[in-house]
Amino acid sequence: MIGWLNIGSLLLGLVAWILPVLSLIGNKKHEYSNWGILAVLSISACAISISFQMFYHYHLVKIEDWTALMDTTRAVVIATAVLLVFTLLLNGLTFIVYQKNKK
């Protein structure tokens, strides 16, 4: 059951990146009404993805699997930072495109 946290984290991370891209593609068709909802869903998916990783690391601490923690913590921190930065950049770009096309 705990292994599903990593899979869920990966899938939600992909959702966090796909939603702003869909919003940008929709902007080419001049559909601006749903960019805010997609941005909120994207940031929420990113937050839940990061939370899943925190729950998984808590599980490793609880079972005292120190080797797994030492092996994976650096990669998880880097992946989390990349997920967060790119999610925020994509949603920021979506906002900028929306504001530019609104005028």
Protein backbone atom coordinates (compact mmCIF):
# COMPACT_ATOMS: atom_id res chain seq x y z
CA MET A 1 0.00 0.00 0.00
CA ILE A 2 2.81 2.41 0.85
CA GLY A 3 4.44 1.86 -2.56
CA TRP A 4 1.43 3.53 -4.18
CA LEU A 5 2.54 6.82 -2.64
CA ASN A 6 5.49 6.99 -5.06
CA ILE A 7 3.33 6.11 -8.06
CA GLY A 8 0.66 8.60 -7.00
CA SER A 9 3.33 11.25 -6.49
CA LEU A 10 4.71 10.68 -9.98
CA LEU A 11 1.27 10.77 -11.61
CA LEU A 12 0.19 13.90 -9.75
CA GLY A 13 3.48 15.55 -10.67
CA LEU A 14 2.75 14.87 -14.32
CA VAL A 15 -0.79 16.23 -13.89
CA ALA A 16 0.69 19.37 -12.32
CA TRP A 17 2.70 19.95 -15.51
CA ILE A 18 0.07 18.82 -18.04
CA LEU A 19 -2.73 21.10 -16.83
CA PRO A 20 -0.94 24.42 -17.52
CA VAL A 21 0.17 23.10 -20.91
CA LEU A 22 -3.46 22.27 -21.71
CA SER A 23 -4.41 25.76 -20.61
CA LEU A 24 -1.78 27.28 -22.91
CA ILE A 25 -2.98 25.15 -25.81
CA GLY A 26 -6.54 26.25 -25.08
CA ASN A 27 -5.36 29.89 -25.16
CA LYS A 28 -4.35 29.43 -28.78
CA LYS A 29 -7.99 28.66 -29.46
CA HIS A 30 -9.02 31.80 -27.52
CA GLU A 31 -10.63 29.91 -24.65
CA TYR A 32 -9.66 31.91 -21.58
CA SER A 33 -12.42 30.96 -19.17
CA ASN A 34 -10.83 27.97 -17.47
CA TRP A 35 -7.22 29.02 -16.94
CA GLY A 36 -7.78 29.84 -13.25
CA ILE A 37 -9.38 26.50 -12.46
CA LEU A 38 -6.60 24.63 -14.26
CA ALA A 39 -3.96 26.65 -12.39
CA VAL A 40 -5.51 25.85 -9.02
CA LEU A 41 -5.78 22.17 -9.94
CA SER A 42 -2.17 22.16 -11.14
CA ILE A 43 -0.80 23.71 -7.95
CA SER A 44 -3.00 21.40 -5.87
CA ALA A 45 -1.68 18.35 -7.73
CA CYS A 46 1.86 19.58 -7.10
CA ALA A 47 1.17 20.03 -3.37
CA ILE A 48 -0.43 16.60 -3.03
CA SER A 49 2.47 15.05 -4.94
CA ILE A 50 4.97 16.59 -2.53
CA SER A 51 2.82 15.49 0.42
CA PHE A 52 2.87 11.90 -0.83
CA GLN A 53 6.67 12.01 -0.78
CA MET A 54 6.63 13.36 2.77
CA PHE A 55 4.29 10.56 3.85
CA TYR A 56 6.57 7.99 2.19
CA HIS A 57 9.63 9.40 3.96
CA TYR A 58 7.73 9.36 7.24
CA HIS A 59 6.98 5.68 6.61
CA LEU A 60 10.69 5.00 6.05
CA VAL A 61 11.53 6.75 9.32
CA LYS A 62 8.81 4.84 11.16
CA ILE A 63 10.14 1.47 9.97
CA GLU A 64 13.69 2.71 10.59
CA ASP A 65 14.91 2.02 7.05
CA TRP A 66 17.85 4.42 7.31
CA THR A 67 19.60 3.01 4.26
CA ALA A 68 16.63 3.75 2.03
CA LEU A 69 16.41 7.25 3.47
CA MET A 70 20.09 7.94 2.87
CA ASP A 71 19.88 6.55 -0.68
CA THR A 72 16.77 8.40 -1.80
CA THR A 73 16.57 11.68 0.10
CA ARG A 74 18.84 13.68 -2.21
CA ALA A 75 16.99 12.55 -5.35
CA VAL A 76 13.61 13.26 -3.76
CA VAL A 77 14.69 16.76 -2.70
CA ILE A 78 15.95 17.57 -6.20
CA ALA A 79 12.85 16.11 -7.87
CA THR A 80 10.60 18.04 -5.49
CA ALA A 81 12.40 21.30 -6.21
CA VAL A 82 12.18 20.72 -9.97
CA LEU A 83 8.48 19.84 -9.74
CA LEU A 84 7.70 22.92 -7.69
CA VAL A 85 9.74 25.37 -9.79
CA PHE A 86 8.42 24.14 -13.14
CA THR A 87 4.84 24.01 -11.88
CA LEU A 88 5.06 27.59 -10.70
CA LEU A 89 6.78 28.71 -13.93
CA LEU A 90 4.18 27.03 -16.14
CA ASN A 91 1.31 28.51 -14.15
CA GLY A 92 3.00 31.92 -14.16
CA LEU A 93 3.43 31.71 -17.92
CA THR A 94 -0.23 30.78 -18.25
CA PHE A 95 -1.18 33.82 -16.18
CA ILE A 96 1.03 36.12 -18.28
CA VAL A 97 -0.46 34.78 -21.53
CA TYR A 98 -3.96 35.21 -20.11
CA GLN A 99 -3.30 38.80 -19.07
CA LYS A 100 -1.68 39.61 -22.43
CA ASN A 101 -4.57 38.13 -24.42
CA LYS A 102 -7.21 39.67 -22.17
CA LYS A 103 -6.30 43.16 -23.33
